[in-house]
């Protein structure tokens, strides 16, 4: 139970931080969707959003590591998808 609570807290924190890494018109084009085995998965809605985010992965990992020192967040994995993620259906 603690792992899943921690994972959801990491995803939530990442989602609060992600808009700061994208320009104004792309701020809502990135969403952290999961954290498992040290890998944070981020959905980007376009290649332009991916390009804008590229290079900020290490900074995001550093900030998340500071906020969650007991977690071993090792890597950010991104993918492009225009499809709404499951959280947008509610």
Protein backbone atom coordinates (compact mmCIF):
# COMPACT_ATOMS: atom_id res chain seq x y z
CA UNK A 1 0.00 0.00 0.00
CA UNK A 2 2.78 2.44 0.89
CA UNK A 3 4.45 1.97 -2.52
CA UNK A 4 1.26 2.81 -4.40
CA UNK A 5 0.61 5.86 -2.22
CA UNK A 6 4.18 7.03 -2.76
CA UNK A 7 3.89 6.44 -6.52
CA UNK A 8 0.69 8.46 -6.76
CA UNK A 9 2.29 11.28 -4.75
CA UNK A 10 5.28 11.32 -7.14
CA UNK A 11 2.97 11.44 -10.18
CA UNK A 12 0.93 14.24 -8.63
CA UNK A 13 4.05 16.26 -7.78
CA UNK A 14 5.45 15.74 -11.28
CA UNK A 15 2.19 16.98 -12.80
CA UNK A 16 2.45 20.16 -10.75
CA UNK A 17 6.03 20.70 -11.94
CA UNK A 18 5.65 19.79 -15.63
CA UNK A 19 3.99 23.04 -16.82
CA UNK A 20 7.08 25.00 -15.74
CA UNK A 21 9.16 23.12 -18.32
CA UNK A 22 6.94 23.96 -21.30
CA UNK A 23 6.21 27.27 -23.05
CA UNK A 24 2.85 28.98 -22.51
CA UNK A 25 0.93 27.42 -25.39
CA UNK A 26 2.21 23.93 -24.52
CA UNK A 27 1.83 24.01 -20.71
CA UNK A 28 -1.00 21.47 -20.73
CA UNK A 29 0.61 19.13 -23.26
CA UNK A 30 2.47 16.97 -20.72
CA UNK A 31 1.10 14.70 -18.03
CA UNK A 32 2.84 12.22 -15.75
CA UNK A 33 0.79 9.04 -15.87
CA UNK A 34 2.69 6.50 -13.78
CA UNK A 35 5.70 5.77 -11.61
CA UNK A 36 6.99 2.23 -11.23
CA UNK A 37 10.40 0.66 -10.60
CA UNK A 38 12.14 4.04 -10.57
CA UNK A 39 10.70 5.14 -13.93
CA UNK A 40 8.36 8.10 -14.30
CA UNK A 41 6.22 7.85 -17.47
CA UNK A 42 5.15 11.09 -19.10
CA UNK A 43 2.67 11.48 -21.94
CA UNK A 44 3.33 14.36 -24.32
CA UNK A 45 0.63 15.38 -26.79
CA UNK A 46 2.91 16.41 -29.65
CA UNK A 47 6.45 16.27 -30.94
CA UNK A 48 6.65 20.03 -30.28
CA UNK A 49 5.89 19.40 -26.60
CA UNK A 50 8.50 16.63 -26.53
CA UNK A 51 11.06 18.96 -28.11
CA UNK A 52 10.25 21.66 -25.53
CA UNK A 53 10.59 19.20 -22.64
CA UNK A 54 13.80 17.61 -23.91
CA UNK A 55 16.74 18.50 -21.70
CA UNK A 56 14.63 19.15 -18.61
CA UNK A 57 14.43 15.52 -17.50
CA UNK A 58 17.43 15.75 -15.15
CA UNK A 59 16.10 18.87 -13.47
CA UNK A 60 12.70 17.23 -12.96
CA UNK A 61 14.39 14.14 -11.49
CA UNK A 62 16.46 16.32 -9.17
CA UNK A 63 13.43 18.25 -7.89
CA UNK A 64 11.40 15.07 -7.38
CA UNK A 65 14.37 13.49 -5.59
CA UNK A 66 14.51 16.45 -3.22
CA UNK A 67 10.77 16.22 -2.54
CA UNK A 68 10.82 12.42 -2.11
CA UNK A 69 14.28 11.57 -0.72
CA UNK A 70 13.35 7.97 0.13
CA UNK A 71 12.40 7.14 -3.46
CA UNK A 72 14.88 6.12 -6.11
CA UNK A 73 13.53 7.97 -9.12
CA UNK A 74 16.02 6.98 -11.81
CA UNK A 75 14.58 7.82 -15.20
CA UNK A 76 11.93 9.75 -17.12
CA UNK A 77 10.32 7.91 -19.99
CA UNK A 78 8.28 9.98 -22.46
CA UNK A 79 5.90 9.02 -25.23
CA UNK A 80 3.74 10.96 -27.65
CA UNK A 81 0.00 10.36 -27.71
CA UNK A 82 -2.87 12.66 -28.60
CA UNK A 83 -5.36 10.25 -27.09
CA UNK A 84 -6.81 11.36 -23.77
CA UNK A 85 -5.36 9.52 -20.86
CA UNK A 86 -7.68 7.51 -18.63
CA UNK A 87 -7.85 10.26 -15.99
CA UNK A 88 -9.47 12.64 -18.47
CA UNK A 89 -12.54 10.43 -18.93
CA UNK A 90 -14.04 11.24 -15.55
